[in-house]
């Protein structure tokens, strides 16, 4: 891939990537609705805090019973 686009100067690459990022960012912002402040607060209190507390219990249980991270079991 490097040899395919090696003729393009670095500043042009930067501008192209910036434009692509802005395109997707603006497209995402225009597609999904904005939430009101009360909706965000309700989402935080009724969804995010309970999920966080459950996850805290899961991690604490894993620590107590010495359940290690699953992604490193085959490395040692």
PDB file of N, CA and C in Angstrom:
ATOM      1  N   UNK A   1       0.827  -1.194   0.000  1.00  0.00           N
ATOM      2  CA  UNK A   1       0.000   0.000   0.000  1.00  0.00           C
ATOM      3  C   UNK A   1       0.867   1.252   0.000  1.00  0.00           C
ATOM      4  N   UNK A   2       2.032   1.159   0.639  1.00  0.00           N
ATOM      5  CA  UNK A   2       2.906   2.318   0.703  1.00  0.00           C
ATOM      6  C   UNK A   2       3.410   2.705  -0.683  1.00  0.00           C
ATOM      7  N   UNK A   3       3.764   1.722  -1.509  1.00  0.00           N
ATOM      8  CA  UNK A   3       4.278   2.039  -2.835  1.00  0.00           C
ATOM      9  C   UNK A   3       3.171   2.527  -3.770  1.00  0.00           C
ATOM     10  N   UNK A   4       1.944   2.139  -3.492  1.00  0.00           N
ATOM     11  CA  UNK A   4       0.825   2.544  -4.337  1.00  0.00           C
ATOM     12  C   UNK A   4       0.532   4.034  -4.206  1.00  0.00           C
ATOM     13  N   UNK A   5       0.638   4.561  -2.985  1.00  0.00           N
ATOM     14  CA  UNK A   5       0.315   5.961  -2.740  1.00  0.00           C
ATOM     15  C   UNK A   5       1.529   6.784  -2.339  1.00  0.00           C
ATOM     16  N   UNK A   6       2.716   6.349  -2.677  1.00  0.00           N
ATOM     17  CA  UNK A   6       3.918   7.066  -2.260  1.00  0.00           C
ATOM     18  C   UNK A   6       4.078   8.403  -2.981  1.00  0.00           C
ATOM     19  N   UNK A   7       3.386   8.609  -4.074  1.00  0.00           N
ATOM     20  CA  UNK A   7       3.507   9.861  -4.817  1.00  0.00           C
ATOM     21  C   UNK A   7       2.693  10.988  -4.193  1.00  0.00           C
ATOM     22  N   UNK A   8       1.800  10.672  -3.262  1.00  0.00           N
ATOM     23  CA  UNK A   8       0.952  11.683  -2.632  1.00  0.00           C
ATOM     24  C   UNK A   8       1.717  12.314  -1.465  1.00  0.00           C
ATOM     25  N   UNK A   9       1.857  13.650  -1.455  1.00  0.00           N
ATOM     26  CA  UNK A   9       2.564  14.306  -0.345  1.00  0.00           C
ATOM     27  C   UNK A   9       1.827  14.116   0.981  1.00  0.00           C
ATOM     28  N   UNK A  10       2.561  14.236   2.073  1.00  0.00           N
ATOM     29  CA  UNK A  10       2.009  14.006   3.399  1.00  0.00           C
ATOM     30  C   UNK A  10       0.882  14.950   3.753  1.00  0.00           C
ATOM     31  N   UNK A  11       1.002  16.219   3.373  1.00  0.00           N
ATOM     32  CA  UNK A  11      -0.039  17.196   3.714  1.00  0.00           C
ATOM     33  C   UNK A  11      -1.343  16.863   3.001  1.00  0.00           C
ATOM     34  N   UNK A  12      -1.248  16.322   1.791  1.00  0.00           N
ATOM     35  CA  UNK A  12      -2.451  15.928   1.054  1.00  0.00           C
ATOM     36  C   UNK A  12      -3.122  14.755   1.762  1.00  0.00           C
ATOM     37  N   UNK A  13      -2.314  13.790   2.245  1.00  0.00           N
ATOM     38  CA  UNK A  13      -2.868  12.676   3.001  1.00  0.00           C
ATOM     39  C   UNK A  13      -3.587  13.166   4.242  1.00  0.00           C
ATOM     40  N   UNK A  14      -2.945  14.090   4.950  1.00  0.00           N
ATOM     41  CA  UNK A  14      -3.552  14.628   6.158  1.00  0.00           C
ATOM     42  C   UNK A  14      -4.884  15.295   5.848  1.00  0.00           C
ATOM     43  N   UNK A  15      -4.933  16.093   4.809  1.00  0.00           N
ATOM     44  CA  UNK A  15      -6.175  16.777   4.442  1.00  0.00           C
ATOM     45  C   UNK A  15      -7.255  15.786   4.003  1.00  0.00           C
ATOM     46  N   UNK A  16      -6.858  14.755   3.258  1.00  0.00           N
ATOM     47  CA  UNK A  16      -7.833  13.756   2.822  1.00  0.00           C
ATOM     48  C   UNK A  16      -8.418  12.998   4.016  1.00  0.00           C
ATOM     49  N   UNK A  17      -7.558  12.590   4.945  1.00  0.00           N
ATOM     50  CA  UNK A  17      -8.040  11.871   6.123  1.00  0.00           C
ATOM     51  C   UNK A  17      -8.917  12.761   6.992  1.00  0.00           C
ATOM     52  N   UNK A  18      -8.541  14.032   7.102  1.00  0.00           N
ATOM     53  CA  UNK A  18      -9.345  14.968   7.883  1.00  0.00           C
ATOM     54  C   UNK A  18     -10.720  15.153   7.255  1.00  0.00           C
ATOM     55  N   UNK A  19     -10.766  15.290   5.948  1.00  0.00           N
ATOM     56  CA  UNK A  19     -12.054  15.455   5.261  1.00  0.00           C
ATOM     57  C   UNK A  19     -12.927  14.209   5.406  1.00  0.00           C
ATOM     58  N   UNK A  20     -12.324  13.045   5.299  1.00  0.00           N
ATOM     59  CA  UNK A  20     -13.089  11.805   5.451  1.00  0.00           C
ATOM     60  C   UNK A  20     -13.627  11.682   6.870  1.00  0.00           C
ATOM     61  N   UNK A  21     -12.789  12.009   7.868  1.00  0.00           N
ATOM     62  CA  UNK A  21     -13.237  11.964   9.256  1.00  0.00           C
ATOM     63  C   UNK A  21     -14.384  12.939   9.481  1.00  0.00           C
ATOM     64  N   UNK A  22     -14.260  14.163   8.981  1.00  0.00           N
ATOM     65  CA  UNK A  22     -15.321  15.155   9.158  1.00  0.00           C
ATOM     66  C   UNK A  22     -16.605  14.731   8.454  1.00  0.00           C
ATOM     67  N   UNK A  23     -16.479  14.124   7.288  1.00  0.00           N
ATOM     68  CA  UNK A  23     -17.650  13.636   6.569  1.00  0.00           C
ATOM     69  C   UNK A  23     -18.418  12.629   7.419  1.00  0.00           C
ATOM     70  N   UNK A  24     -17.702  11.636   7.957  1.00  0.00           N
ATOM     71  CA  UNK A  24     -18.374  10.628   8.767  1.00  0.00           C
ATOM     72  C   UNK A  24     -18.892  11.200  10.080  1.00  0.00           C
ATOM     73  N   UNK A  25     -18.155  12.125  10.672  1.00  0.00           N
ATOM     74  CA  UNK A  25     -18.593  12.742  11.923  1.00  0.00           C
ATOM     75  C   UNK A  25     -19.886  13.528  11.715  1.00  0.00           C
ATOM     76  N   UNK A  26     -19.931  14.341  10.680  1.00  0.00           N
ATOM     77  CA  UNK A  26     -21.133  15.127  10.407  1.00  0.00           C
ATOM     78  C   UNK A  26     -22.299  14.239   9.975  1.00  0.00           C
ATOM     79  N   UNK A  27     -22.001  13.211   9.231  1.00  0.00           N
ATOM     80  CA  UNK A  27     -23.032  12.269   8.814  1.00  0.00           C
ATOM     81  C   UNK A  27     -23.635  11.576  10.036  1.00  0.00           C
ATOM     82  N   UNK A  28     -22.792  11.152  10.968  1.00  0.00           N
ATOM     83  CA  UNK A  28     -23.259  10.516  12.196  1.00  0.00           C
ATOM     84  C   UNK A  28     -24.100  11.483  13.015  1.00  0.00           C
ATOM     85  N   UNK A  29     -23.644  12.725  13.151  1.00  0.00           N
ATOM     86  CA  UNK A  29     -24.382  13.720  13.936  1.00  0.00           C
ATOM     87  C   UNK A  29     -25.737  14.035  13.305  1.00  0.00           C
ATOM     88  N   UNK A  30     -25.813  14.053  11.998  1.00  0.00           N
ATOM     89  CA  UNK A  30     -27.063  14.381  11.320  1.00  0.00           C
ATOM     90  C   UNK A  30     -28.033  13.198  11.315  1.00  0.00           C
ATOM     91  N   UNK A  31     -27.504  11.988  11.409  1.00  0.00           N
ATOM     92  CA  UNK A  31     -28.353  10.807  11.330  1.00  0.00           C
ATOM     93  C   UNK A  31     -29.092  10.533  12.631  1.00  0.00           C
ATOM     94  N   UNK A  32     -28.394  10.663  13.755  1.00  0.00           N
ATOM     95  CA  UNK A  32     -28.974  10.306  15.043  1.00  0.00           C
ATOM     96  C   UNK A  32     -29.492  11.542  15.760  1.00  0.00           C
ATOM     97  N   UNK A  33     -30.613  11.402  16.444  1.00  0.00           N
ATOM     98  CA  UNK A  33     -31.203  12.565  17.118  1.00  0.00           C
ATOM     99  C   UNK A  33     -30.398  12.972  18.349  1.00  0.00           C
ATOM    100  N   UNK A  34     -30.538  14.227  18.713  1.00  0.00           N
ATOM    101  CA  UNK A  34     -29.915  14.710  19.945  1.00  0.00           C
ATOM    102  C   UNK A  34     -30.846  14.433  21.106  1.00  0.00           C
ATOM    103  N   UNK A  35     -30.265  14.064  22.222  1.00  0.00           N
ATOM    104  CA  UNK A  35     -31.048  13.806  23.416  1.00  0.00           C
ATOM    105  C   UNK A  35     -31.143  15.067  24.262  1.00  0.00           C
ATOM    106  N   UNK A  36     -32.280  15.240  24.895  1.00  0.00           N
ATOM    107  CA  UNK A  36     -32.427  16.338  25.851  1.00  0.00           C
ATOM    108  C   UNK A  36     -31.678  15.987  27.118  1.00  0.00           C
ATOM    109  N   UNK A  37     -31.451  16.994  27.951  1.00  0.00           N
ATOM    110  CA  UNK A  37     -30.688  16.797  29.179  1.00  0.00           C
ATOM    111  C   UNK A  37     -31.367  15.793  30.108  1.00  0.00           C
ATOM    112  N   UNK A  38     -32.685  15.870  30.221  1.00  0.00           N
ATOM    113  CA  UNK A  38     -33.388  14.935  31.107  1.00  0.00           C
ATOM    114  C   UNK A  38     -33.311  13.501  30.585  1.00  0.00           C
ATOM    115  N   UNK A  39     -33.269  13.326  29.272  1.00  0.00           N
ATOM    116  CA  UNK A  39     -33.142  11.983  28.713  1.00  0.00           C
ATOM    117  C   UNK A  39     -31.754  11.406  28.989  1.00  0.00           C
ATOM    118  N   UNK A  40     -30.739  12.249  28.907  1.00  0.00           N
ATOM    119  CA  UNK A  40     -29.381  11.797  29.199  1.00  0.00           C
ATOM    120  C   UNK A  40     -29.254  11.420  30.669  1.00  0.00           C
ATOM    121  N   UNK A  41     -29.847  12.232  31.550  1.00  0.00           N
ATOM    122  CA  UNK A  41     -29.791  11.929  32.981  1.00  0.00           C
ATOM    123  C   UNK A  41     -30.533  10.623  33.291  1.00  0.00           C
ATOM    124  N   UNK A  42     -31.675  10.422  32.671  1.00  0.00           N
ATOM    125  CA  UNK A  42     -32.426   9.179  32.880  1.00  0.00           C
ATOM    126  C   UNK A  42     -31.616   7.984  32.380  1.00  0.00           C
ATOM    127  N   UNK A  43     -30.977   8.130  31.232  1.00  0.00           N
ATOM    128  CA  UNK A  43     -30.136   7.064  30.697  1.00  0.00           C
ATOM    129  C   UNK A  43     -28.997   6.741  31.659  1.00  0.00           C
ATOM    130  N   UNK A  44     -28.388   7.768  32.226  1.00  0.00           N
ATOM    131  CA  UNK A  44     -27.299   7.549  33.167  1.00  0.00           C
ATOM    132  C   UNK A  44     -27.752   6.852  34.428  1.00  0.00           C
ATOM    133  N   UNK A  45     -28.856   7.304  35.014  1.00  0.00           N
ATOM    134  CA  UNK A  45     -29.319   6.741  36.281  1.00  0.00           C
ATOM    135  C   UNK A  45     -29.938   5.364  36.121  1.00  0.00           C
ATOM    136  N   UNK A  46     -30.649   5.116  35.031  1.00  0.00           N
ATOM    137  CA  UNK A  46     -31.372   3.850  34.892  1.00  0.00           C
ATOM    138  C   UNK A  46     -30.602   2.786  34.121  1.00  0.00           C
ATOM    139  N   UNK A  47     -29.602   3.176  33.356  1.00  0.00           N
ATOM    140  CA  UNK A  47     -28.866   2.203  32.547  1.00  0.00           C
ATOM    141  C   UNK A  47     -27.398   2.132  32.959  1.00  0.00           C
ATOM    142  N   UNK A  48     -26.691   3.248  32.866  1.00  0.00           N
ATOM    143  CA  UNK A  48     -25.241   3.224  33.037  1.00  0.00           C
ATOM    144  C   UNK A  48     -24.806   2.905  34.462  1.00  0.00           C
ATOM    145  N   UNK A  49     -25.448   3.469  35.461  1.00  0.00           N
ATOM    146  CA  UNK A  49     -25.044   3.195  36.839  1.00  0.00           C
ATOM    147  C   UNK A  49     -25.340   1.747  37.229  1.00  0.00           C
ATOM    148  N   UNK A  50     -26.522   1.185  36.927  1.00  0.00           N
ATOM    149  CA  UNK A  50     -26.727  -0.241  37.249  1.00  0.00           C
ATOM    150  C   UNK A  50     -25.767  -1.173  36.506  1.00  0.00           C
ATOM    151  N   UNK A  51     -25.504  -0.891  35.242  1.00  0.00           N
ATOM    152  CA  UNK A  51     -24.568  -1.731  34.488  1.00  0.00           C
ATOM    153  C   UNK A  51     -23.177  -1.645  35.103  1.00  0.00           C
ATOM    154  N   UNK A  52     -22.768  -0.453  35.507  1.00  0.00           N
ATOM    155  CA  UNK A  52     -21.465  -0.278  36.132  1.00  0.00           C
ATOM    156  C   UNK A  52     -21.382  -1.022  37.457  1.00  0.00           C
ATOM    157  N   UNK A  53     -22.433  -0.969  38.255  1.00  0.00           N
ATOM    158  CA  UNK A  53     -22.430  -1.683  39.533  1.00  0.00           C
ATOM    159  C   UNK A  53     -22.388  -3.200  39.331  1.00  0.00           C
ATOM    160  N   UNK A  54     -23.118  -3.695  38.354  1.00  0.00           N
ATOM    161  CA  UNK A  54     -23.077  -5.134  38.057  1.00  0.00           C
ATOM    162  C   UNK A  54     -21.680  -5.526  37.598  1.00  0.00           C
ATOM    163  N   UNK A  55     -21.078  -4.706  36.748  1.00  0.00           N
ATOM    164  CA  UNK A  55     -19.736  -5.013  36.262  1.00  0.00           C
ATOM    165  C   UNK A  55     -18.715  -4.976  37.397  1.00  0.00           C
ATOM    166  N   UNK A  56     -18.906  -4.071  38.346  1.00  0.00           N
ATOM    167  CA  UNK A  56     -18.036  -3.998  39.518  1.00  0.00           C
ATOM    168  C   UNK A  56     -18.126  -5.287  40.334  1.00  0.00           C
ATOM    169  N   UNK A  57     -19.324  -5.825  40.485  1.00  0.00           N
ATOM    170  CA  UNK A  57     -19.503  -7.096  41.199  1.00  0.00           C
ATOM    171  C   UNK A  57     -18.845  -8.238  40.426  1.00  0.00           C
ATOM    172  N   UNK A  58     -18.974  -8.240  39.115  1.00  0.00           N
ATOM    173  CA  UNK A  58     -18.350  -9.286  38.294  1.00  0.00           C
ATOM    174  C   UNK A  58     -16.833  -9.257  38.452  1.00  0.00           C
ATOM    175  N   UNK A  59     -16.245  -8.082  38.386  1.00  0.00           N
ATOM    176  CA  UNK A  59     -14.791  -7.964  38.510  1.00  0.00           C
ATOM    177  C   UNK A  59     -14.336  -8.337  39.917  1.00  0.00           C
ATOM    178  N   UNK A  60     -15.080  -7.917  40.930  1.00  0.00           N
ATOM    179  CA  UNK A  60     -14.724  -8.272  42.307  1.00  0.00           C
ATOM    180  C   UNK A  60     -14.801  -9.780  42.512  1.00  0.00           C
ATOM    181  N   UNK A  61     -15.815 -10.414  41.958  1.00  0.00           N
ATOM    182  CA  UNK A  61     -15.943 -11.869  42.057  1.00  0.00           C
ATOM    183  C   UNK A  61     -14.783 -12.560  41.346  1.00  0.00           C
ATOM    184  N   UNK A  62     -14.410 -12.051  40.201  1.00  0.00           N
ATOM    185  CA  UNK A  62     -13.275 -12.619  39.470  1.00  0.00           C
ATOM    186  C   UNK A  62     -11.985 -12.468  40.270  1.00  0.00           C
ATOM    187  N   UNK A  63     -11.825 -11.378  40.980  1.00  0.00           N
ATOM    188  CA  UNK A  63     -10.638 -11.177  41.805  1.00  0.00           C
ATOM    189  C   UNK A  63     -10.638 -12.110  43.014  1.00  0.00           C
ATOM    190  N   UNK A  64     -11.778 -12.270  43.650  1.00  0.00           N
ATOM    191  CA  UNK A  64     -11.855 -13.113  44.848  1.00  0.00           C
ATOM    192  C   UNK A  64     -11.570 -14.571  44.503  1.00  0.00           C
ATOM    193  N   UNK A  65     -12.128 -15.057  43.403  1.00  0.00           N
ATOM    194  CA  UNK A  65     -11.950 -16.452  43.021  1.00  0.00           C
ATOM    195  C   UNK A  65     -10.761 -16.665  42.092  1.00  0.00           C
ATOM    196  N   UNK A  66      -9.916 -15.668  41.976  1.00  0.00           N
ATOM    197  CA  UNK A  66      -8.680 -15.731  41.191  1.00  0.00           C
ATOM    198  C   UNK A  66      -8.923 -16.187  39.749  1.00  0.00           C
ATOM    199  N   UNK A  67      -9.925 -15.610  39.147  1.00  0.00           N
ATOM    200  CA  UNK A  67     -10.210 -15.864  37.735  1.00  0.00           C
ATOM    201  C   UNK A  67      -9.452 -14.799  36.955  1.00  0.00           C
ATOM    202  N   UNK A  68      -8.442 -15.240  36.221  1.00  0.00           N
ATOM    203  CA  UNK A  68      -7.590 -14.295  35.507  1.00  0.00           C
ATOM    204  C   UNK A  68      -8.219 -13.811  34.224  1.00  0.00           C
ATOM    205  N   UNK A  69      -7.547 -12.883  33.593  1.00  0.00           N
ATOM    206  CA  UNK A  69      -8.041 -12.418  32.284  1.00  0.00           C
ATOM    207  C   UNK A  69      -7.944 -13.555  31.266  1.00  0.00           C
ATOM    208  N   UNK A  70      -8.994 -13.776  30.550  1.00  0.00           N
ATOM    209  CA  UNK A  70      -9.069 -14.902  29.634  1.00  0.00           C
ATOM    210  C   UNK A  70      -8.116 -14.768  28.467  1.00  0.00           C
ATOM    211  N   UNK A  71      -7.777 -13.566  28.099  1.00  0.00           N
ATOM    212  CA  UNK A  71      -6.950 -13.383  26.912  1.00  0.00           C
ATOM    213  C   UNK A  71      -5.476 -13.665  27.176  1.00  0.00           C
ATOM    214  N   UNK A  72      -5.051 -13.874  28.420  1.00  0.00           N
ATOM    215  CA  UNK A  72      -3.639 -14.155  28.695  1.00  0.00           C
ATOM    216  C   UNK A  72      -3.410 -15.568  29.223  1.00  0.00           C
ATOM    217  N   UNK A  73      -4.417 -16.418  29.242  1.00  0.00           N
ATOM    218  CA  UNK A  73      -4.243 -17.757  29.797  1.00  0.00           C
ATOM    219  C   UNK A  73      -3.261 -18.595  28.988  1.00  0.00           C
ATOM    220  N   UNK A  74      -3.251 -18.475  27.692  1.00  0.00           N
ATOM    221  CA  UNK A  74      -2.359 -19.282  26.869  1.00  0.00           C
ATOM    222  C   UNK A  74      -0.959 -18.720  26.752  1.00  0.00           C
ATOM    223  N   UNK A  75      -0.707 -17.540  27.284  1.00  0.00           N
ATOM    224  CA  UNK A  75       0.597 -16.913  27.120  1.00  0.00           C
ATOM    225  C   UNK A  75       1.617 -17.372  28.145  1.00  0.00           C
ATOM    226  N   UNK A  76       1.184 -17.840  29.320  1.00  0.00           N
ATOM    227  CA  UNK A  76       2.173 -18.173  30.347  1.00  0.00           C
ATOM    228  C   UNK A  76       2.557 -19.622  30.376  1.00  0.00           C
TER     229      UNK A  76
END
